[in-house]
C-alpha atoms as a PDB file:
ATOM      1  CA  MET A   1     -14.880 -84.880  79.512  1.00  0.00           C
ATOM      2  CA  ALA A   2     -16.775 -82.789  81.994  1.00  0.00           C
ATOM      3  CA  LEU A   3     -16.430 -79.517  80.096  1.00  0.00           C
ATOM      4  CA  ALA A   4     -17.498 -81.039  76.847  1.00  0.00           C
ATOM      5  CA  THR A   5     -20.584 -82.578  78.473  1.00  0.00           C
ATOM      6  CA  TRP A   6     -21.632 -79.221  79.873  1.00  0.00           C
ATOM      7  CA  ALA A   7     -20.964 -77.593  76.508  1.00  0.00           C
ATOM      8  CA  SER A   8     -23.085 -80.102  74.582  1.00  0.00           C
ATOM      9  CA  GLY A   9     -26.065 -79.460  76.882  1.00  0.00           C
ATOM     10  CA  LEU A  10     -25.731 -75.687  76.491  1.00  0.00           C
ATOM     11  CA  ALA A  11     -25.424 -75.888  72.759  1.00  0.00           C
ATOM     12  CA  ARG A  12     -28.490 -78.086  72.502  1.00  0.00           C
ATOM     13  CA  THR A  13     -30.492 -75.610  74.595  1.00  0.00           C
ATOM     14  CA  LEU A  14     -29.471 -72.646  72.416  1.00  0.00           C
ATOM     15  CA  LEU A  15     -29.562 -74.226  68.934  1.00  0.00           C
ATOM     16  CA  ALA A  16     -31.609 -77.436  68.677  1.00  0.00           C
ATOM     17  CA  GLU A  17     -35.067 -75.846  68.555  1.00  0.00           C
ATOM     18  CA  PRO A  18     -34.539 -72.447  66.891  1.00  0.00           C
ATOM     19  CA  LEU A  19     -31.778 -73.507  64.440  1.00  0.00           C
ATOM     20  CA  PRO A  20     -32.005 -77.318  63.770  1.00  0.00           C
ATOM     21  CA  ARG A  21     -29.687 -77.173  60.751  1.00  0.00           C
ATOM     22  CA  ARG A  22     -27.012 -75.242  62.710  1.00  0.00           C
ATOM     23  CA  TRP A  23     -27.503 -77.810  65.511  1.00  0.00           C
ATOM     24  CA  ALA A  24     -26.949 -80.656  63.034  1.00  0.00           C
ATOM     25  CA  HIS A  25     -23.675 -78.993  61.875  1.00  0.00           C
ATOM     26  CA  THR A  26     -22.608 -78.500  65.511  1.00  0.00           C
ATOM     27  CA  GLN A  27     -23.120 -82.145  66.342  1.00  0.00           C
ATOM     28  CA  GLY A  28     -21.044 -83.147  63.310  1.00  0.00           C
ATOM     29  CA  VAL A  29     -18.247 -80.722  64.293  1.00  0.00           C
ATOM     30  CA  ALA A  30     -18.189 -82.181  67.825  1.00  0.00           C
ATOM     31  CA  ARG A  31     -17.988 -85.752  66.388  1.00  0.00           C
ATOM     32  CA  GLN A  32     -15.038 -84.750  64.281  1.00  0.00           C
ATOM     33  CA  ALA A  33     -13.334 -83.039  67.228  1.00  0.00           C
ATOM     34  CA  ARG A  34     -13.632 -86.209  69.294  1.00  0.00           C
ATOM     35  CA  THR A  35     -11.747 -88.174  66.635  1.00  0.00           C
ATOM     36  CA  LEU A  36      -8.787 -85.923  67.254  1.00  0.00           C
ATOM     37  CA  ALA A  37      -8.394 -86.940  70.921  1.00  0.00           C
ATOM     38  CA  PRO A  38      -5.240 -89.109  70.171  1.00  0.00           C
ATOM     39  CA  ILE A  39      -3.332 -85.977  69.077  1.00  0.00           C
ATOM     40  CA  LEU A  40      -4.647 -83.693  71.794  1.00  0.00           C
ATOM     41  CA  GLY A  41      -4.186 -85.619  75.007  1.00  0.00           C
ATOM     42  CA  GLU A  42      -5.419 -83.614  78.007  1.00  0.00           C
ATOM     43  CA  GLU A  43      -6.546 -80.716  75.669  1.00  0.00           C
ATOM     44  CA  ALA A  44      -9.226 -82.977  74.060  1.00  0.00           C
ATOM     45  CA  ASP A  45     -11.883 -81.964  76.510  1.00  0.00           C
ATOM     46  CA  ILE A  46     -11.579 -78.177  75.859  1.00  0.00           C
ATOM     47  CA  LEU A  47     -11.328 -78.800  72.052  1.00  0.00           C
ATOM     48  CA  VAL A  48     -14.543 -80.846  72.035  1.00  0.00           C
ATOM     49  CA  ALA A  49     -16.247 -78.260  74.238  1.00  0.00           C
ATOM     50  CA  ALA A  50     -15.263 -75.492  71.808  1.00  0.00           C
ATOM     51  CA  ALA A  51     -16.631 -77.600  68.932  1.00  0.00           C
ATOM     52  CA  TRP A  52     -19.975 -77.855  70.643  1.00  0.00           C
ATOM     53  CA  LEU A  53     -20.069 -74.065  71.326  1.00  0.00           C
ATOM     54  CA  HIS A  54     -18.324 -72.504  68.312  1.00  0.00           C
ATOM     55  CA  ASP A  55     -21.628 -71.519  66.599  1.00  0.00           C
ATOM     56  CA  ILE A  56     -23.842 -70.625  69.544  1.00  0.00           C
ATOM     57  CA  GLY A  57     -23.532 -66.967  68.583  1.00  0.00           C
ATOM     58  CA  TYR A  58     -26.056 -67.691  65.859  1.00  0.00           C
ATOM     59  CA  ALA A  59     -28.712 -68.378  68.428  1.00  0.00           C
ATOM     60  CA  PRO A  60     -31.437 -65.664  68.128  1.00  0.00           C
ATOM     61  CA  THR A  61     -31.310 -64.868  71.817  1.00  0.00           C
ATOM     62  CA  LEU A  62     -27.553 -64.210  71.683  1.00  0.00           C
ATOM     63  CA  VAL A  63     -27.277 -62.022  68.556  1.00  0.00           C
ATOM     64  CA  ILE A  64     -25.982 -58.554  69.456  1.00  0.00           C
ATOM     65  CA  THR A  65     -23.293 -57.551  66.929  1.00  0.00           C
ATOM     66  CA  GLY A  66     -24.327 -60.099  64.300  1.00  0.00           C
ATOM     67  CA  PHE A  67     -20.848 -61.556  64.364  1.00  0.00           C
ATOM     68  CA  HIS A  68     -21.417 -64.957  65.841  1.00  0.00           C
ATOM     69  CA  PRO A  69     -17.837 -65.688  67.156  1.00  0.00           C
ATOM     70  CA  LEU A  70     -17.851 -62.519  69.209  1.00  0.00           C
ATOM     71  CA  ASP A  71     -21.450 -62.805  70.374  1.00  0.00           C
ATOM     72  CA  GLY A  72     -21.019 -66.410  71.354  1.00  0.00           C
ATOM     73  CA  ALA A  73     -17.770 -65.822  73.255  1.00  0.00           C
ATOM     74  CA  ARG A  74     -19.168 -62.818  75.114  1.00  0.00           C
ATOM     75  CA  TYR A  75     -22.247 -64.846  76.146  1.00  0.00           C
ATOM     76  CA  LEU A  76     -19.987 -67.636  77.534  1.00  0.00           C
ATOM     77  CA  ARG A  77     -17.798 -65.150  79.417  1.00  0.00           C
ATOM     78  CA  ASP A  78     -20.497 -62.850  80.704  1.00  0.00           C
ATOM     79  CA  HIS A  79     -23.326 -65.283  81.465  1.00  0.00           C
ATOM     80  CA  HIS A  80     -21.462 -68.503  82.318  1.00  0.00           C
ATOM     81  CA  HIS A  81     -18.027 -67.219  83.445  1.00  0.00           C
ATOM     82  CA  ALA A  82     -16.671 -69.981  81.231  1.00  0.00           C
ATOM     83  CA  ASN A  83     -13.054 -71.071  81.016  1.00  0.00           C
ATOM     84  CA  PRO A  84     -11.235 -68.103  79.362  1.00  0.00           C
ATOM     85  CA  ARG A  85      -9.461 -70.449  76.963  1.00  0.00           C
ATOM     86  CA  LEU A  86     -12.753 -71.876  75.854  1.00  0.00           C
ATOM     87  CA  CYS A  87     -14.085 -68.351  75.243  1.00  0.00           C
ATOM     88  CA  ASN A  88     -10.929 -67.531  73.251  1.00  0.00           C
ATOM     89  CA  LEU A  89     -11.432 -70.622  71.010  1.00  0.00           C
ATOM     90  CA  VAL A  90     -15.008 -69.693  70.311  1.00  0.00           C
ATOM     91  CA  ALA A  91     -14.115 -66.008  69.663  1.00  0.00           C
ATOM     92  CA  HIS A  92     -11.330 -66.842  67.212  1.00  0.00           C
ATOM     93  CA  HIS A  93     -12.589 -70.056  65.605  1.00  0.00           C
ATOM     94  CA  SER A  94     -11.873 -70.596  61.904  1.00  0.00           C
ATOM     95  CA  CYS A  95      -9.783 -67.392  61.482  1.00  0.00           C
ATOM     96  CA  ALA A  96     -12.579 -65.157  62.769  1.00  0.00           C
ATOM     97  CA  ILE A  97     -10.245 -62.205  62.894  1.00  0.00           C
ATOM     98  CA  ILE A  98     -10.523 -61.830  59.134  1.00  0.00           C
ATOM     99  CA  GLU A  99     -14.282 -61.489  59.187  1.00  0.00           C
ATOM    100  CA  ALA A 100     -13.977 -59.220  62.261  1.00  0.00           C
ATOM    101  CA  GLN A 101     -11.805 -56.930  60.160  1.00  0.00           C
ATOM    102  CA  GLU A 102     -14.411 -56.920  57.380  1.00  0.00           C
ATOM    103  CA  ARG A 103     -17.042 -55.984  59.932  1.00  0.00           C
ATOM    104  CA  GLY A 104     -14.959 -53.316  61.706  1.00  0.00           C
ATOM    105  CA  LEU A 105     -14.893 -55.463  64.936  1.00  0.00           C
ATOM    106  CA  ALA A 106     -11.253 -56.579  64.948  1.00  0.00           C
ATOM    107  CA  ASP A 107     -10.221 -54.175  67.688  1.00  0.00           C
ATOM    108  CA  GLN A 108     -13.041 -55.384  69.963  1.00  0.00           C
ATOM    109  CA  LEU A 109     -12.274 -59.048  69.258  1.00  0.00           C
ATOM    110  CA  LEU A 110      -8.547 -58.683  69.963  1.00  0.00           C
ATOM    111  CA  ALA A 111      -9.101 -56.532  73.055  1.00  0.00           C
ATOM    112  CA  GLU A 112     -11.437 -58.982  74.649  1.00  0.00           C
ATOM    113  CA  PHE A 113     -10.186 -62.413  73.590  1.00  0.00           C
ATOM    114  CA  THR A 114      -6.707 -63.898  73.087  1.00  0.00           C
ATOM    115  CA  HIS A 115      -5.833 -66.116  70.181  1.00  0.00           C
ATOM    116  CA  GLU A 116      -4.914 -69.636  71.410  1.00  0.00           C
ATOM    117  CA  ASN A 117      -1.969 -71.559  69.969  1.00  0.00           C
ATOM    118  CA  GLU A 118      -2.327 -73.573  66.827  1.00  0.00           C
ATOM    119  CA  ASP A 119      -2.187 -76.861  68.635  1.00  0.00           C
ATOM    120  CA  LEU A 120      -5.853 -76.153  69.533  1.00  0.00           C
ATOM    121  CA  THR A 121      -7.050 -73.667  66.922  1.00  0.00           C
ATOM    122  CA  ASN A 122      -6.057 -75.889  63.939  1.00  0.00           C
ATOM    123  CA  PRO A 123      -7.968 -78.920  65.201  1.00  0.00           C
ATOM    124  CA  LEU A 124     -11.074 -76.707  65.636  1.00  0.00           C
ATOM    125  CA  VAL A 125     -10.689 -75.492  62.089  1.00  0.00           C
ATOM    126  CA  TYR A 126     -10.279 -79.096  60.921  1.00  0.00           C
ATOM    127  CA  ALA A 127     -13.464 -80.202  62.644  1.00  0.00           C
ATOM    128  CA  ASP A 128     -15.453 -77.232  61.305  1.00  0.00           C
ATOM    129  CA  LEU A 129     -14.134 -77.400  57.755  1.00  0.00           C
ATOM    130  CA  THR A 130     -14.714 -81.162  57.330  1.00  0.00           C
ATOM    131  CA  THR A 131     -18.351 -80.914  58.439  1.00  0.00           C
ATOM    132  CA  ASP A 132     -21.162 -79.764  56.130  1.00  0.00           C
ATOM    133  CA  PRO A 133     -24.267 -77.838  57.203  1.00  0.00           C
ATOM    134  CA  GLU A 134     -26.178 -81.095  57.817  1.00  0.00           C
ATOM    135  CA  GLY A 135     -23.440 -82.487  60.050  1.00  0.00           C
ATOM    136  CA  ASN A 136     -22.007 -84.890  57.490  1.00  0.00           C
ATOM    137  CA  LEU A 137     -18.307 -85.340  56.614  1.00  0.00           C
ATOM    138  CA  THR A 138     -17.179 -83.245  53.662  1.00  0.00           C
ATOM    139  CA  ASP A 139     -14.131 -82.191  51.763  1.00  0.00           C
ATOM    140  CA  PRO A 140     -12.699 -78.827  52.951  1.00  0.00           C
ATOM    141  CA  ASP A 141     -12.732 -77.334  49.429  1.00  0.00           C
ATOM    142  CA  ALA A 142     -16.326 -78.432  48.967  1.00  0.00           C
ATOM    143  CA  ARG A 143     -17.196 -76.869  52.343  1.00  0.00           C
ATOM    144  CA  LEU A 144     -15.684 -73.520  51.392  1.00  0.00           C
ATOM    145  CA  ALA A 145     -17.447 -73.590  48.012  1.00  0.00           C
ATOM    146  CA  GLU A 146     -20.750 -74.298  49.701  1.00  0.00           C
ATOM    147  CA  ILE A 147     -20.307 -71.317  52.011  1.00  0.00           C
ATOM    148  CA  VAL A 148     -19.626 -69.016  49.059  1.00  0.00           C
ATOM    149  CA  SER A 149     -22.576 -70.464  47.152  1.00  0.00           C
ATOM    150  CA  ARG A 150     -24.882 -70.028  50.154  1.00  0.00           C
ATOM    151  CA  TYR A 151     -23.982 -66.380  50.860  1.00  0.00           C
ATOM    152  CA  GLY A 152     -23.318 -65.114  47.320  1.00  0.00           C
ATOM    153  CA  ASP A 153     -20.413 -63.256  45.802  1.00  0.00           C
ATOM    154  CA  ASN A 154     -20.825 -59.880  47.452  1.00  0.00           C
ATOM    155  CA  HIS A 155     -21.531 -60.980  50.973  1.00  0.00           C
ATOM    156  CA  ILE A 156     -19.188 -60.115  53.786  1.00  0.00           C
ATOM    157  CA  VAL A 157     -18.893 -63.786  54.740  1.00  0.00           C
ATOM    158  CA  THR A 158     -17.859 -64.682  51.202  1.00  0.00           C
ATOM    159  CA  ARG A 159     -15.214 -61.981  51.168  1.00  0.00           C
ATOM    160  CA  SER A 160     -13.890 -63.230  54.488  1.00  0.00           C
ATOM    161  CA  VAL A 161     -13.890 -66.911  53.382  1.00  0.00           C
ATOM    162  CA  ARG A 162     -11.911 -66.094  50.271  1.00  0.00           C
ATOM    163  CA  ARG A 163      -9.346 -64.232  52.371  1.00  0.00           C
ATOM    164  CA  THR A 164      -9.068 -66.966  54.981  1.00  0.00           C
ATOM    165  CA  ALA A 165      -9.229 -70.006  52.670  1.00  0.00           C
ATOM    166  CA  PRO A 166      -5.402 -70.470  52.460  1.00  0.00           C
ATOM    167  CA  ARG A 167      -5.048 -70.346  56.254  1.00  0.00           C
ATOM    168  CA  LEU A 168      -7.985 -72.663  56.812  1.00  0.00           C
ATOM    169  CA  LEU A 169      -6.730 -75.267  54.338  1.00  0.00           C
ATOM    170  CA  HIS A 170      -3.283 -75.061  55.810  1.00  0.00           C
ATOM    171  CA  ALA A 171      -4.746 -75.805  59.225  1.00  0.00           C
ATOM    172  CA  VAL A 172      -6.521 -78.858  57.926  1.00  0.00           C
ATOM    173  CA  THR A 173      -3.361 -80.131  56.308  1.00  0.00           C
ATOM    174  CA  GLU A 174      -1.396 -79.589  59.552  1.00  0.00           C
ATOM    175  CA  VAL A 175      -3.886 -81.607  61.524  1.00  0.00           C
ATOM    176  CA  GLU A 176      -3.949 -84.399  58.966  1.00  0.00           C
ATOM    177  CA  GLN A 177      -0.134 -84.544  59.153  1.00  0.00           C
ATOM    178  CA  ARG A 178      -0.167 -84.613  62.963  1.00  0.00           C
ATOM    179  CA  THR A 179      -2.761 -87.411  62.841  1.00  0.00           C
ATOM    180  CA  ALA A 180      -0.705 -89.421  60.362  1.00  0.00           C
ATOM    181  CA  ARG A 181       2.478 -89.025  62.480  1.00  0.00           C
ATOM    182  CA  ARG A 182       0.561 -90.114  65.565  1.00  0.00           C
ATOM    183  CA  SER A 183      -0.728 -93.169  63.772  1.00  0.00           C
ATOM    184  CA  LEU A 184       2.738 -94.052  62.477  1.00  0.00           C
ATOM    185  CA  ASP A 185       4.287 -93.619  65.881  1.00  0.00           C
ATOM    186  CA  SER A 186       1.748 -95.893  67.506  1.00  0.00           C
ATOM    187  CA  ARG A 187       2.537 -98.612  64.933  1.00  0.00           C
ATOM    188  CA  ARG A 188       6.242 -98.308  65.704  1.00  0.00           C
ATOM    189  CA  LEU A 189       5.707 -99.009  69.415  1.00  0.00           C
ATOM    190  CA  PRO A 190       7.159-102.359  70.536  1.00  0.00           C
ATOM    191  CA  PRO A 191       4.581-105.075  71.240  1.00  0.00           C
ATOM    192  CA  PRO A 192       3.501-105.260  74.906  1.00  0.00           C
ATOM    193  CA  ILE A 193       5.326-107.698  77.146  1.00  0.00           C
ATOM    194  CA  HIS A 194       3.045-110.320  78.676  1.00  0.00           C
ATOM    195  CA  LEU A 195       4.387-111.754  81.808  1.00  0.00           C
ATOM    196  CA  SER A 196       3.770-115.470  82.140  1.00  0.00           C
ATOM    197  CA  THR A 197       1.728-116.628  85.087  1.00  0.00           C
ATOM    198  CA  HIS A 198       3.624-119.905  85.012  1.00  0.00           C
ATOM    199  CA  SER A 199       6.869-120.306  86.898  1.00  0.00           C
ATOM    200  CA  THR A 200       9.931-121.305  84.851  1.00  0.00           C
ATOM    201  CA  PRO A 201      11.508-124.608  85.586  1.00  0.00           C
END
């Protein structure tokens, strides 16, 4: 996972010292993303890389608009010429378009970054929504409630979370179903054939 390895180093540089709690969350999201490798195949590397980088826009040195998905994605594109799909995932992670609308930034977000397909965006939602601010596993409903509690009723983030909650929870359910199907399919595979090293009489 060459891309993910690069991404983890960059995220550490940007978040570990100035934002240790955000860094703890990021590490947890990346761990969750890695568990989804069986349903992602060759896309696992870019998904894990996006998990490492999804919140870098919070880094004090990167804040421009104050909207972390856009600030993070622009930094990756403009300073690192990163894989465009990786930039797209960071820009649109966890239904970011809704908060972009609340902030009046939707046109900029859509003009600069394309929304990737749900085969990748939903796993990123799953990893983010099942990881609490300290990097521990959590229930998606509890995660959403914590965000609302942290920001307060009238905050723009709270308004956005309440609008996006159905989509986010649907994404988590879809990934859980894909994981369950993958597990079931693997159990249905026939046992491996072991060729004997002994010659038959």
